[in-house]
Structure formats: structure tokens, C-alpha cells
Amino acid sequence: MKAIPAREAKLQFGRLIDTARAEPVVVEKHGRPVVVVMAVEEYERLTGEAVSPSQTKSEG
């Protein structure tokens, strides 16, 4: 499992997503792990819950 600083995650969000689709990524703030980013399929496997696309509302 890879770990990256929060600043790098912010600056290279696209790369974070690409990496997280292959393996979970720990995002650290001040050297401490704060979140794990992972593929939806892995999340669903771990929790047993399906993730559905969010519904958006358009105005006007």
C-alpha cells in the first residue's frame, strides 16, 4: 500500500485516482495517516455494500 502526503494528493489528484484504482493509497497529513483512497470495487468487496452513482440536480 502506498502512502503520500496530503499536499501531493491535492496537487496530483488525477494521479492519486489512477493509483488508487490499482491499490489503496494512504493520504498522510503531518506524517499521520488520515484517509485511505481505494477503488470502488475494493470498497464494495470490503463492506458488502454497493455504491450507486450520485444523483445530481440541474438548476433552471
N, C-alpha and C. Protein backbone atom coordinates (compact mmCIF):
# COMPACT_ATOMS: atom_id res chain seq x y z
N MET A 1 0.85 -1.17 0.00
CA MET A 1 0.00 0.00 0.00
C MET A 1 0.90 1.23 0.00
N LYS A 2 0.60 2.15 -0.89
CA LYS A 2 1.39 3.38 -0.99
C LYS A 2 0.86 4.42 -0.01
N ALA A 3 1.74 5.35 0.34
CA ALA A 3 1.36 6.48 1.18
C ALA A 3 1.90 7.75 0.54
N ILE A 4 1.08 8.81 0.55
CA ILE A 4 1.50 10.10 0.00
C ILE A 4 1.05 11.23 0.92
N PRO A 5 1.78 12.33 0.92
CA PRO A 5 1.36 13.49 1.71
C PRO A 5 0.09 14.13 1.13
N ALA A 6 -0.71 14.75 1.97
CA ALA A 6 -1.95 15.39 1.54
C ALA A 6 -1.68 16.45 0.47
N ARG A 7 -0.60 17.17 0.60
CA ARG A 7 -0.27 18.21 -0.39
C ARG A 7 -0.08 17.59 -1.78
N GLU A 8 0.62 16.47 -1.84
CA GLU A 8 0.82 15.79 -3.12
C GLU A 8 -0.52 15.27 -3.66
N ALA A 9 -1.36 14.75 -2.78
CA ALA A 9 -2.68 14.26 -3.21
C ALA A 9 -3.49 15.39 -3.83
N LYS A 10 -3.40 16.58 -3.24
CA LYS A 10 -4.13 17.74 -3.76
C LYS A 10 -3.58 18.18 -5.11
N LEU A 11 -2.26 18.25 -5.21
CA LEU A 11 -1.63 18.74 -6.44
C LEU A 11 -1.71 17.75 -7.59
N GLN A 12 -1.78 16.46 -7.26
CA GLN A 12 -1.78 15.43 -8.30
C GLN A 12 -2.97 14.49 -8.11
N PHE A 13 -4.16 15.08 -8.01
CA PHE A 13 -5.36 14.29 -7.72
C PHE A 13 -5.64 13.25 -8.79
N GLY A 14 -5.44 13.59 -10.05
CA GLY A 14 -5.66 12.62 -11.13
C GLY A 14 -4.77 11.40 -10.98
N ARG A 15 -3.51 11.63 -10.64
CA ARG A 15 -2.58 10.52 -10.43
C ARG A 15 -3.00 9.68 -9.22
N LEU A 16 -3.48 10.35 -8.16
CA LEU A 16 -3.96 9.64 -6.98
C LEU A 16 -5.09 8.69 -7.36
N ILE A 17 -6.04 9.16 -8.15
CA ILE A 17 -7.15 8.32 -8.59
C ILE A 17 -6.64 7.13 -9.39
N ASP A 18 -5.75 7.38 -10.32
CA ASP A 18 -5.20 6.29 -11.14
C ASP A 18 -4.51 5.24 -10.28
N THR A 19 -3.72 5.69 -9.32
CA THR A 19 -3.01 4.76 -8.44
C THR A 19 -3.98 3.99 -7.56
N ALA A 20 -4.98 4.70 -7.02
CA ALA A 20 -5.94 4.07 -6.11
C ALA A 20 -6.81 3.03 -6.80
N ARG A 21 -6.96 3.14 -8.10
CA ARG A 21 -7.73 2.12 -8.83
C ARG A 21 -6.98 0.80 -8.86
N ALA A 22 -5.64 0.86 -8.72
CA ALA A 22 -4.83 -0.36 -8.73
C ALA A 22 -4.54 -0.89 -7.32
N GLU A 23 -4.41 0.03 -6.36
CA GLU A 23 -4.13 -0.37 -4.98
C GLU A 23 -4.52 0.78 -4.05
N PRO A 24 -4.91 0.46 -2.81
CA PRO A 24 -5.26 1.52 -1.87
C PRO A 24 -4.08 2.46 -1.62
N VAL A 25 -4.40 3.73 -1.40
CA VAL A 25 -3.38 4.75 -1.14
C VAL A 25 -3.73 5.45 0.18
N VAL A 26 -2.76 5.51 1.08
CA VAL A 26 -2.93 6.23 2.35
C VAL A 26 -2.51 7.67 2.12
N VAL A 27 -3.36 8.61 2.52
CA VAL A 27 -3.02 10.03 2.44
C VAL A 27 -2.67 10.48 3.85
N GLU A 28 -1.49 11.07 3.98
CA GLU A 28 -0.99 11.49 5.28
C GLU A 28 -0.97 13.01 5.42
N LYS A 29 -1.26 13.46 6.62
CA LYS A 29 -1.18 14.89 6.95
C LYS A 29 -0.28 15.01 8.17
N HIS A 30 0.77 15.79 8.05
CA HIS A 30 1.76 15.94 9.12
C HIS A 30 2.34 14.58 9.51
N GLY A 31 2.52 13.70 8.52
CA GLY A 31 3.13 12.40 8.77
C GLY A 31 2.21 11.35 9.35
N ARG A 32 0.94 11.70 9.54
CA ARG A 32 -0.02 10.74 10.10
C ARG A 32 -1.07 10.36 9.07
N PRO A 33 -1.43 9.08 9.00
CA PRO A 33 -2.46 8.68 8.04
C PRO A 33 -3.82 9.27 8.42
N VAL A 34 -4.51 9.84 7.42
CA VAL A 34 -5.83 10.43 7.69
C VAL A 34 -6.95 9.79 6.87
N VAL A 35 -6.65 9.35 5.66
CA VAL A 35 -7.67 8.68 4.84
C VAL A 35 -6.99 7.63 3.96
N VAL A 36 -7.81 6.70 3.50
CA VAL A 36 -7.37 5.73 2.51
C VAL A 36 -8.26 5.90 1.29
N VAL A 37 -7.64 6.03 0.13
CA VAL A 37 -8.38 6.14 -1.13
C VAL A 37 -8.24 4.80 -1.83
N MET A 38 -9.39 4.24 -2.25
CA MET A 38 -9.36 2.93 -2.91
C MET A 38 -10.41 2.85 -4.00
N ALA A 39 -10.27 1.86 -4.85
CA ALA A 39 -11.23 1.64 -5.93
C ALA A 39 -12.59 1.28 -5.34
N VAL A 40 -13.63 1.69 -6.03
CA VAL A 40 -15.00 1.39 -5.61
C VAL A 40 -15.19 -0.12 -5.45
N GLU A 41 -14.65 -0.87 -6.38
CA GLU A 41 -14.80 -2.33 -6.32
C GLU A 41 -14.21 -2.90 -5.03
N GLU A 42 -13.08 -2.38 -4.60
CA GLU A 42 -12.46 -2.84 -3.36
C GLU A 42 -13.31 -2.44 -2.16
N TYR A 43 -13.83 -1.22 -2.16
CA TYR A 43 -14.71 -0.76 -1.09
C TYR A 43 -15.94 -1.66 -0.99
N GLU A 44 -16.56 -1.93 -2.14
CA GLU A 44 -17.75 -2.78 -2.15
C GLU A 44 -17.43 -4.19 -1.65
N ARG A 45 -16.26 -4.70 -2.01
CA ARG A 45 -15.86 -6.03 -1.55
C ARG A 45 -15.68 -6.05 -0.03
N LEU A 46 -15.06 -5.01 0.51
CA LEU A 46 -14.80 -4.95 1.95
C LEU A 46 -16.06 -4.73 2.77
N THR A 47 -16.97 -3.90 2.27
CA THR A 47 -18.16 -3.54 3.05
C THR A 47 -19.38 -4.37 2.72
N GLY A 48 -19.39 -4.97 1.54
CA GLY A 48 -20.58 -5.71 1.11
C GLY A 48 -21.70 -4.80 0.66
N GLU A 49 -21.41 -3.50 0.51
CA GLU A 49 -22.41 -2.52 0.09
C GLU A 49 -22.10 -2.01 -1.31
N ALA A 50 -23.12 -1.94 -2.14
CA ALA A 50 -22.94 -1.40 -3.48
C ALA A 50 -22.95 0.13 -3.42
N VAL A 51 -22.11 0.73 -4.23
CA VAL A 51 -22.07 2.19 -4.34
C VAL A 51 -22.77 2.57 -5.63
N SER A 52 -23.81 3.41 -5.51
CA SER A 52 -24.54 3.82 -6.71
C SER A 52 -24.13 5.24 -7.09
N PRO A 53 -24.21 5.55 -8.37
CA PRO A 53 -23.87 6.91 -8.80
C PRO A 53 -24.74 7.95 -8.09
N SER A 54 -24.14 9.05 -7.72
CA SER A 54 -24.93 10.10 -7.07
C SER A 54 -25.84 10.76 -8.08
N GLN A 55 -26.98 11.18 -7.60
CA GLN A 55 -27.92 11.88 -8.48
C GLN A 55 -27.68 13.37 -8.34
N THR A 56 -27.58 14.04 -9.46
CA THR A 56 -27.36 15.49 -9.44
C THR A 56 -28.60 16.20 -9.94
N LYS A 57 -28.80 17.38 -9.42
CA LYS A 57 -29.93 18.22 -9.84
C LYS A 57 -29.37 19.39 -10.63
N SER A 58 -29.98 19.67 -11.76
CA SER A 58 -29.57 20.86 -12.50
C SER A 58 -30.58 21.96 -12.25
N GLU A 59 -30.05 23.16 -12.14
CA GLU A 59 -30.92 24.30 -11.87
C GLU A 59 -31.39 24.94 -13.16
N GLY A 60 -32.60 25.49 -13.09
CA GLY A 60 -33.17 26.30 -14.14
C GLY A 60 -33.29 25.66 -15.41
